[in-house]
Amino acid sequence: MACRICGAHTRSILDLGESPPANALLSTPETEPRSFPLVLELCDDCGNLQLRDCLDAEDLYRDYLYVTPDSQLLRHHYEQLHAHLAEGDYIRPDSFVLEVGSNVGMLLRFLQSRTRKVLGIDPAANICKLAQDAGIETMCDFFAPASAERIRAQHGAPDLIVARHCMAHNADPHVMIAAAAALLDDTGHLVIENAYGLNTVENNELDQIYHEHMFYFTIRSMRALLAKHGMHLASVLMSPVHGGSVVFVAKKTRPTDVPDASVALYAEREDRLMKGATYERFAANVRELKEQLRALVGDLNAEHKSVWTYGATAKGNTLLNYVGFTRDDIEYCVDSTPLKQGKFLPKSGIRVVSEEHALENPPDYFLLTAWNYKDEIIGKVRAAGNNRSRFIIPVPHVHIV
C-alpha cells in the first residue's frame, strides 16, 4: 500500500483480523454487523503509522454514539492544555477558538469564559444538538476547505484551531490541514491532539487500533504532513489522556520562526526508540496478551466467577473482538452513557447496562476496557459501595487489581 502522508510504500506490522466499526452499537444481539480488516502499516520513509483499510466518514460519523465524558481526568487535562497554550501565547483572553470534532463541546465549555469567542464544528447531527443545547454554537459539518470558507465568511479567522482526537480519524489528513492553513492567519495556531504512535507500540495498546483511528501520529510523520501545507511544529506537549497522547502546536512557516526546544527533544527520543525491533516486539506482545486474557477469563468462567466488562468504548470493542470474547464469556458491559445503555456491543453481542445495574448486581470481576480511566472508575465503584468486584487491567499487560 501507499503512505497517505508522503506516498511512499508501506509495510504491515500488525494484523488484528476483522472487526466491525467500534462505535456501531447494535439494537439486538442477533444483528450481524459488517466487519472490516484491522491492519496497521508503517511507512519507513516518513514514520507514518496508518490503517491499511479506511471506512467512509459518512458511515462512521453521521450517527455517532461517543459522547466526551465529564471526567475529572479530562477536566485536569483541559487545565494543563490551557496553561501550556497560554504560556506559549497561543491562546489569550481575546482569542477566537474553533474546535474541530467538538463533540458535545466539553473543551469549549471550559474555554468559553477564558476566551472572547468559541465555535465548534462536528459532523454528527445528534451530537451537535447536544452541544447546542448546552450553549455551544456548533456547525454541523465536516471540517474541509469549503466549510472553512463559510467559517471565515461568518465569523472571521480564528486565532486558534483545536483538533482533539479527530485529525487521525480521516482517511486523508491533507484535507483538514489544508482547511486549517487556509483559515488561519499568519499569527494563528493549530493544535492537534491524538494518540501518540510511540506510546501505542511501547505500551502494547492494541485497543487504540480501530477504524476511526486511521493514523497514529509521530513527530516525524506530523512534520512531513505539515510541511506539505507550508506549516511547521512550534511546540510539542505529552499528555496521559487515552493512555498517552501527543499535543502538536503548529503554525504557518515564516523565516523568523524558532520552534520550542520540546520539538527537538521529543523528536530525538522518538528517532532513538522507534526502530524495527520495536514493532516486532509490539506484535509479539499483542499476541501474548490475547492468549493470557483468553486463558484468564476462561479459568474464571470455569470457576463460575462472573466477569463483566466496564466501558462500552471503541478500544474495548477492538480488544473484545480480537481476543474473541462473546456474551458467553462476559455477560454484561457497564457504561455511564445513556445513549449506549440497552444496546449491544458489535460482534461480541454483550449487552450494555448502567452503573446502577452493576451496583445492584456486582460481578466478581470487571474487565476494565476503559483502562485509561482506571483510577477514576475504581474510585467511583468503591465510593458507591461495591467492595466486592476486582478489576482485570488488560494493558500494557494483563493483571488484576
Protein backbone atom coordinates (compact mmCIF):
# COMPACT_ATOMS: atom_id res chain seq x y z
CA MET A 1 0.00 0.00 0.00
CA ALA A 2 0.97 3.67 -0.21
CA CYS A 3 1.53 6.08 2.67
CA ARG A 4 -1.32 8.57 2.80
CA ILE A 5 1.04 11.28 4.02
CA CYS A 6 4.06 11.05 1.71
CA GLY A 7 3.06 8.44 -0.90
CA ALA A 8 5.92 6.01 -0.21
CA HIS A 9 5.45 2.24 0.09
CA THR A 10 4.19 0.91 3.45
CA ARG A 11 4.51 -2.47 5.15
CA SER A 12 2.18 -4.27 7.57
CA ILE A 13 3.37 -4.57 11.16
CA LEU A 14 0.22 -5.82 12.96
CA ASP A 15 -2.90 -7.68 11.80
CA LEU A 16 -5.83 -7.79 14.26
CA GLY A 17 -8.14 -9.66 11.92
CA GLU A 18 -11.58 -8.31 11.05
CA SER A 19 -13.82 -6.21 13.28
CA PRO A 20 -16.96 -4.08 12.86
CA PRO A 21 -16.80 -0.29 13.36
CA ALA A 22 -16.05 0.05 17.06
CA ASN A 23 -18.79 2.56 17.91
CA ALA A 24 -21.51 0.84 15.86
CA LEU A 25 -23.52 -0.48 18.80
CA LEU A 26 -26.47 -2.77 17.96
CA SER A 27 -30.16 -2.76 18.86
CA THR A 28 -30.30 -6.56 19.08
CA PRO A 29 -27.54 -9.10 19.79
CA GLU A 30 -28.60 -11.20 16.81
CA THR A 31 -27.66 -8.48 14.31
CA GLU A 32 -24.65 -9.47 12.22
CA PRO A 33 -22.61 -6.29 11.70
CA ARG A 34 -20.28 -5.97 8.73
CA SER A 35 -16.65 -6.46 9.68
CA PHE A 36 -13.56 -4.98 8.05
CA PRO A 37 -9.81 -5.67 8.32
CA LEU A 38 -7.76 -4.00 11.04
CA VAL A 39 -4.20 -3.94 9.72
CA LEU A 40 -1.59 -1.44 10.96
CA GLU A 41 1.03 -0.28 8.46
CA LEU A 42 4.33 1.59 8.76
CA CYS A 43 5.93 3.98 6.28
CA ASP A 44 9.69 3.77 6.76
CA ASP A 45 10.18 7.00 4.77
CA CYS A 46 8.20 9.45 6.95
CA GLY A 47 7.49 7.33 10.04
CA ASN A 48 3.75 7.31 9.44
CA LEU A 49 1.62 4.62 11.14
CA GLN A 50 -1.73 4.15 9.42
CA LEU A 51 -4.57 1.70 8.95
CA ARG A 52 -4.38 -0.16 5.68
CA ASP A 53 -8.17 -0.08 5.19
CA CYS A 54 -10.24 3.06 5.84
CA LEU A 55 -14.02 3.24 6.11
CA ASP A 56 -16.17 6.01 4.69
CA ALA A 57 -16.50 9.00 7.00
CA GLU A 58 -20.27 9.25 6.44
CA ASP A 59 -20.71 5.70 7.73
CA LEU A 60 -18.59 6.37 10.80
CA TYR A 61 -19.77 9.76 11.99
CA ARG A 62 -23.20 10.85 10.80
CA ASP A 63 -24.98 8.95 13.60
CA TYR A 64 -22.48 8.82 16.42
CA LEU A 65 -22.73 7.41 19.93
CA TYR A 66 -19.46 8.58 21.50
CA VAL A 67 -20.01 11.43 23.95
CA THR A 68 -16.99 13.10 25.57
CA PRO A 69 -17.23 12.15 29.26
CA ASP A 70 -17.44 14.73 32.02
CA SER A 71 -14.33 13.30 33.64
CA GLN A 72 -12.05 14.61 36.36
CA LEU A 73 -9.08 13.39 34.31
CA LEU A 74 -10.26 15.37 31.27
CA ARG A 75 -11.02 18.49 33.31
CA HIS A 76 -7.46 18.36 34.65
CA HIS A 77 -6.19 17.87 31.10
CA TYR A 78 -8.12 20.93 29.88
CA GLU A 79 -6.44 22.98 32.60
CA GLN A 80 -2.99 21.70 31.63
CA LEU A 81 -3.65 22.26 27.94
CA HIS A 82 -4.88 25.80 28.52
CA ALA A 83 -1.85 26.57 30.71
CA HIS A 84 0.52 25.28 28.01
CA LEU A 85 -1.20 27.28 25.29
CA ALA A 86 -1.34 30.43 27.41
CA GLU A 87 2.33 30.14 28.38
CA GLY A 88 3.29 29.93 24.69
CA ASP A 89 0.99 32.87 23.88
CA TYR A 90 -1.02 30.61 21.56
CA ILE A 91 -4.25 31.49 23.37
CA ARG A 92 -5.31 34.74 25.09
CA PRO A 93 -8.45 36.14 26.72
CA ASP A 94 -9.28 37.92 23.43
CA SER A 95 -8.85 34.78 21.27
CA PHE A 96 -11.43 33.25 18.96
CA VAL A 97 -11.15 29.45 19.28
CA LEU A 98 -12.54 26.97 16.76
CA GLU A 99 -12.69 23.31 17.78
CA VAL A 100 -12.84 20.67 15.05
CA GLY A 101 -14.65 17.48 16.04
CA SER A 102 -16.00 19.34 19.05
CA ASN A 103 -18.46 16.60 20.06
CA VAL A 104 -20.74 17.90 22.87
CA GLY A 105 -18.42 20.86 23.47
CA MET A 106 -16.79 19.91 26.77
CA LEU A 107 -13.50 21.65 25.95
CA LEU A 108 -15.28 24.69 24.54
CA ARG A 109 -17.38 24.97 27.70
CA PHE A 110 -14.11 25.09 29.64
CA LEU A 111 -12.70 27.75 27.29
CA GLN A 112 -15.88 29.81 26.97
CA SER A 113 -15.16 32.01 29.99
CA ARG A 114 -11.45 32.19 29.22
CA THR A 115 -11.64 33.48 25.64
CA ARG A 116 -13.57 36.00 23.56
CA LYS A 117 -15.43 33.51 21.36
CA VAL A 118 -15.73 29.74 20.86
CA LEU A 119 -17.19 27.79 17.95
CA GLY A 120 -17.45 24.06 17.32
CA ILE A 121 -17.72 22.05 14.11
CA ASP A 122 -18.74 18.38 14.15
CA PRO A 123 -20.37 16.10 11.53
CA ALA A 124 -22.66 14.14 13.88
CA ALA A 125 -26.13 15.75 13.92
CA ASN A 126 -27.23 14.08 17.16
CA ILE A 127 -24.04 15.19 18.93
CA CYS A 128 -24.25 18.75 17.58
CA LYS A 129 -27.73 19.12 19.05
CA LEU A 130 -26.42 18.14 22.49
CA ALA A 131 -23.68 20.77 22.18
CA GLN A 132 -26.08 23.46 21.06
CA ASP A 133 -28.49 22.61 23.87
CA ALA A 134 -25.55 23.16 26.25
CA GLY A 135 -24.99 26.65 24.84
CA ILE A 136 -22.07 25.92 22.49
CA GLU A 137 -22.51 27.30 18.97
CA THR A 138 -21.74 24.37 16.67
CA MET A 139 -21.67 23.97 12.90
CA CYS A 140 -22.83 20.51 11.81
CA ASP A 141 -20.38 19.60 9.05
CA PHE A 142 -17.03 18.02 8.28
CA PHE A 143 -14.05 20.35 8.50
CA ALA A 144 -12.76 20.87 4.96
CA PRO A 145 -11.84 23.82 2.72
CA ALA A 146 -15.49 24.56 1.86
CA SER A 147 -16.67 24.66 5.49
CA ALA A 148 -13.55 26.65 6.43
CA GLU A 149 -14.55 29.30 3.87
CA ARG A 150 -18.00 29.55 5.47
CA ILE A 151 -16.46 29.91 8.91
CA ARG A 152 -14.20 32.74 7.73
CA ALA A 153 -17.10 34.50 6.00
CA GLN A 154 -19.43 34.24 9.02
CA HIS A 155 -17.03 34.51 11.96
CA GLY A 156 -13.64 35.66 10.70
CA ALA A 157 -10.31 33.86 11.10
CA PRO A 158 -9.85 32.04 14.41
CA ASP A 159 -6.76 32.71 16.47
CA LEU A 160 -6.60 29.06 17.43
CA ILE A 161 -7.95 25.89 15.82
CA VAL A 162 -8.08 22.86 18.13
CA ALA A 163 -8.48 19.31 16.79
CA ARG A 164 -8.50 16.87 19.69
CA HIS A 165 -8.62 13.18 18.75
CA CYS A 166 -10.15 13.77 15.34
CA MET A 167 -7.29 14.60 12.94
CA ALA A 168 -6.37 10.91 12.84
CA HIS A 169 -9.99 9.99 12.12
CA ASN A 170 -9.89 10.89 8.44
CA ALA A 171 -8.53 8.86 5.55
CA ASP A 172 -6.95 11.96 4.01
CA PRO A 173 -5.46 14.25 6.68
CA HIS A 174 -4.31 16.64 3.96
CA VAL A 175 -7.92 17.85 3.64
CA MET A 176 -8.10 19.06 7.25
CA ILE A 177 -4.57 20.51 7.28
CA ALA A 178 -5.30 22.37 4.04
CA ALA A 179 -8.53 23.74 5.53
CA ALA A 180 -6.70 24.91 8.65
CA ALA A 181 -3.89 26.51 6.63
CA ALA A 182 -6.43 28.39 4.51
CA LEU A 183 -8.44 29.56 7.52
CA LEU A 184 -5.61 30.67 9.82
CA ASP A 185 -3.81 33.99 9.52
CA ASP A 186 -0.01 34.03 9.82
CA THR A 187 -0.23 34.59 13.59
CA GLY A 188 -2.79 31.84 14.22
CA HIS A 189 -2.04 28.35 15.54
CA LEU A 190 -3.35 24.84 15.00
CA VAL A 191 -3.43 22.40 17.93
CA ILE A 192 -3.63 18.71 17.08
CA GLU A 193 -4.01 16.14 19.85
CA ASN A 194 -4.07 12.42 19.13
CA ALA A 195 -2.92 9.09 20.48
CA TYR A 196 0.86 9.05 20.15
CA GLY A 197 2.33 6.35 17.92
CA LEU A 198 5.28 5.74 20.24
CA ASN A 199 3.00 5.16 23.26
CA THR A 200 0.80 2.84 21.22
CA VAL A 201 3.64 0.48 20.32
CA GLU A 202 5.66 0.78 23.54
CA ASN A 203 2.67 0.16 25.83
CA ASN A 204 1.07 -2.65 23.78
CA GLU A 205 -2.03 -0.52 23.19
CA LEU A 206 -3.59 -2.77 20.57
CA ASP A 207 -7.01 -1.42 21.55
CA GLN A 208 -6.09 2.01 20.17
CA ILE A 209 -6.37 0.38 16.76
CA TYR A 210 -9.89 0.67 15.38
CA HIS A 211 -11.45 2.01 12.21
CA GLU A 212 -11.86 5.59 13.43
CA HIS A 213 -8.15 5.76 14.26
CA MET A 214 -6.76 5.80 10.74
CA PHE A 215 -3.41 7.32 11.81
CA TYR A 216 -1.08 7.03 14.82
CA PHE A 217 0.89 10.22 14.50
CA THR A 218 4.53 10.68 15.40
CA ILE A 219 6.58 13.86 15.40
CA ARG A 220 8.32 12.67 12.26
CA SER A 221 5.10 11.96 10.37
CA MET A 222 3.41 15.16 11.59
CA ARG A 223 6.35 17.23 10.41
CA ALA A 224 6.06 15.61 6.97
CA LEU A 225 2.32 16.27 6.83
CA LEU A 226 2.54 19.91 7.91
CA ALA A 227 5.43 20.70 5.57
CA LYS A 228 3.28 19.83 2.56
CA HIS A 229 0.98 22.72 3.55
CA GLY A 230 3.54 25.37 4.42
CA MET A 231 3.31 24.72 8.17
CA HIS A 232 5.68 23.53 10.89
CA LEU A 233 5.69 22.41 14.52
CA ALA A 234 6.01 25.22 17.05
CA SER A 235 5.90 23.03 20.20
CA VAL A 236 5.04 19.55 21.48
CA LEU A 237 3.33 18.52 24.74
CA MET A 238 2.89 14.98 26.04
CA SER A 239 -0.34 14.07 27.84
CA PRO A 240 -1.55 10.95 29.72
CA VAL A 241 -5.02 11.15 28.08
CA HIS A 242 -6.14 7.96 26.28
CA GLY A 243 -3.11 6.05 27.53
CA GLY A 244 -0.63 8.54 26.12
CA SER A 245 -1.39 11.37 23.71
CA VAL A 246 0.74 13.95 21.95
CA VAL A 247 -0.28 17.59 21.53
CA PHE A 248 1.20 19.27 18.45
CA VAL A 249 1.10 23.07 18.14
CA ALA A 250 1.62 24.16 14.53
CA LYS A 251 1.62 27.38 12.53
CA LYS A 252 2.39 28.72 9.08
CA THR A 253 6.12 28.75 8.40
CA ARG A 254 7.94 32.09 8.41
CA PRO A 255 11.74 32.61 8.13
CA THR A 256 11.96 34.09 11.63
CA ASP A 257 10.17 31.22 13.40
CA VAL A 258 12.14 29.28 16.03
CA PRO A 259 10.43 26.08 17.30
CA ASP A 260 10.30 25.43 21.03
CA ALA A 261 13.04 23.14 22.38
CA SER A 262 10.38 20.48 23.08
CA VAL A 263 10.18 19.64 19.36
CA ALA A 264 13.83 18.60 19.03
CA LEU A 265 13.82 16.89 22.43
CA TYR A 266 10.89 14.59 21.69
CA ALA A 267 11.94 14.04 18.09
CA GLU A 268 15.34 12.75 19.20
CA ARG A 269 13.73 10.35 21.70
CA GLU A 270 11.32 9.11 19.04
CA ASP A 271 14.08 8.51 16.49
CA ARG A 272 16.05 6.54 19.09
CA LEU A 273 13.16 4.30 20.15
CA MET A 274 11.02 3.73 17.06
CA LYS A 275 13.07 1.10 15.25
CA GLY A 276 12.34 -2.24 13.58
CA ALA A 277 12.74 -4.26 16.78
CA THR A 278 10.16 -2.03 18.50
CA TYR A 279 7.45 -3.02 16.01
CA GLU A 280 8.39 -6.72 16.14
CA ARG A 281 8.18 -6.66 19.95
CA PHE A 282 4.81 -4.88 19.78
CA ALA A 283 3.31 -7.57 17.53
CA ALA A 284 4.66 -10.37 19.75
CA ASN A 285 3.36 -8.71 22.92
CA VAL A 286 -0.10 -8.27 21.39
CA ARG A 287 -0.30 -11.99 20.56
CA GLU A 288 0.80 -12.90 24.08
CA LEU A 289 -1.72 -10.51 25.65
CA LYS A 290 -4.52 -12.19 23.69
CA GLU A 291 -3.52 -15.64 24.92
CA GLN A 292 -3.20 -14.50 28.55
CA LEU A 293 -6.55 -12.71 28.60
CA ARG A 294 -8.36 -15.57 26.90
CA ALA A 295 -6.89 -18.03 29.45
CA LEU A 296 -7.67 -15.83 32.47
CA VAL A 297 -11.34 -15.26 31.61
CA GLY A 298 -11.69 -18.93 30.63
CA ASP A 299 -10.36 -20.01 34.03
CA LEU A 300 -12.68 -17.60 35.87
CA ASN A 301 -15.69 -18.87 33.91
CA ALA A 302 -14.72 -22.44 34.77
CA GLU A 303 -14.69 -21.44 38.45
CA HIS A 304 -18.20 -19.95 38.00
CA LYS A 305 -16.92 -16.43 38.62
CA SER A 306 -18.90 -13.68 36.93
CA VAL A 307 -16.94 -11.41 34.57
CA TRP A 308 -18.38 -8.18 33.15
CA THR A 309 -16.62 -5.55 31.11
CA TYR A 310 -16.54 -1.90 32.18
CA GLY A 311 -16.68 0.70 29.43
CA ALA A 312 -18.59 0.43 26.13
CA THR A 313 -15.60 2.02 24.48
CA ALA A 314 -14.28 1.81 20.94
CA LYS A 315 -10.98 0.50 22.26
CA GLY A 316 -12.86 -2.07 24.33
CA ASN A 317 -14.58 -3.43 21.25
CA THR A 318 -11.25 -3.85 19.47
CA LEU A 319 -9.96 -5.80 22.46
CA LEU A 320 -13.04 -7.99 22.89
CA ASN A 321 -13.28 -8.85 19.21
CA TYR A 322 -9.56 -9.51 18.77
CA VAL A 323 -9.49 -11.85 21.76
CA GLY A 324 -12.75 -13.45 20.59
CA PHE A 325 -14.97 -12.80 23.61
CA THR A 326 -18.77 -13.02 23.34
CA ARG A 327 -21.68 -12.78 25.77
CA ASP A 328 -21.00 -16.45 26.58
CA ASP A 329 -17.74 -15.30 28.20
CA ILE A 330 -18.76 -11.87 29.51
CA GLU A 331 -22.39 -11.30 30.44
CA TYR A 332 -22.67 -7.50 30.56
CA CYS A 333 -20.84 -4.30 29.72
CA VAL A 334 -21.23 -1.39 32.16
CA ASP A 335 -21.23 2.17 30.84
CA SER A 336 -22.36 5.54 32.19
CA THR A 337 -23.55 6.90 28.79
CA PRO A 338 -27.37 6.78 28.48
CA LEU A 339 -27.12 6.69 24.66
CA LYS A 340 -25.33 3.33 24.88
CA GLN A 341 -27.35 1.62 27.61
CA GLY A 342 -29.68 -1.11 26.38
CA LYS A 343 -27.66 -1.62 23.21
CA PHE A 344 -25.27 -4.45 22.38
CA LEU A 345 -21.58 -4.37 21.57
CA PRO A 346 -20.83 -5.13 17.91
CA LYS A 347 -19.85 -8.74 17.14
CA SER A 348 -19.47 -9.83 20.78
CA GLY A 349 -23.20 -9.18 21.40
CA ILE A 350 -22.62 -8.15 25.04
CA ARG A 351 -25.45 -6.04 26.45
CA VAL A 352 -24.65 -2.55 27.79
CA VAL A 353 -26.13 -1.79 31.23
CA SER A 354 -25.99 1.17 33.59
CA GLU A 355 -23.64 1.68 36.52
CA GLU A 356 -26.68 1.47 38.79
CA HIS A 357 -27.42 -2.02 37.47
CA ALA A 358 -23.84 -3.05 38.19
CA LEU A 359 -24.04 -1.67 41.73
CA GLU A 360 -27.17 -3.74 42.44
CA ASN A 361 -25.63 -6.88 40.91
CA PRO A 362 -21.86 -6.59 41.36
CA PRO A 363 -19.87 -9.18 39.40
CA ASP A 364 -16.78 -10.91 40.73
CA TYR A 365 -14.60 -9.24 38.12
CA PHE A 366 -14.70 -6.25 35.79
CA LEU A 367 -12.57 -6.41 32.64
CA LEU A 368 -11.68 -2.73 32.56
CA THR A 369 -11.74 -1.86 28.88
CA ALA A 370 -11.75 1.86 29.75
CA TRP A 371 -8.39 1.25 31.45
CA ASN A 372 -7.18 4.77 30.70
CA TYR A 373 -9.70 5.95 33.35
CA LYS A 374 -8.91 3.10 35.76
CA ASP A 375 -8.15 5.17 38.88
CA GLU A 376 -11.27 7.27 38.40
CA ILE A 377 -13.51 4.25 37.71
CA ILE A 378 -12.18 2.12 40.55
CA GLY A 379 -12.56 5.07 42.93
CA LYS A 380 -16.15 5.62 41.78
CA VAL A 381 -17.05 1.93 42.14
CA ARG A 382 -15.62 1.74 45.66
CA ALA A 383 -17.21 5.04 46.71
CA ALA A 384 -20.60 3.74 45.55
CA GLY A 385 -20.28 0.80 47.95
CA ASN A 386 -19.04 -2.02 45.71
CA ASN A 387 -16.10 -3.52 47.59
CA ARG A 388 -16.57 -6.95 46.05
CA SER A 389 -15.57 -6.67 42.41
CA ARG A 390 -11.95 -6.96 41.33
CA PHE A 391 -10.58 -5.39 38.17
CA ILE A 392 -8.75 -7.01 35.26
CA ILE A 393 -6.47 -4.46 33.60
CA PRO A 394 -5.56 -5.64 30.05
CA VAL A 395 -2.94 -3.04 29.02
CA PRO A 396 0.06 -2.78 28.97
CA HIS A 397 -0.05 -6.35 30.32
CA VAL A 398 -2.81 -8.46 31.86
CA HIS A 399 -3.07 -8.08 35.62
CA ILE A 400 -5.68 -7.92 38.40
CA VAL A 401 -6.18 -5.18 40.99
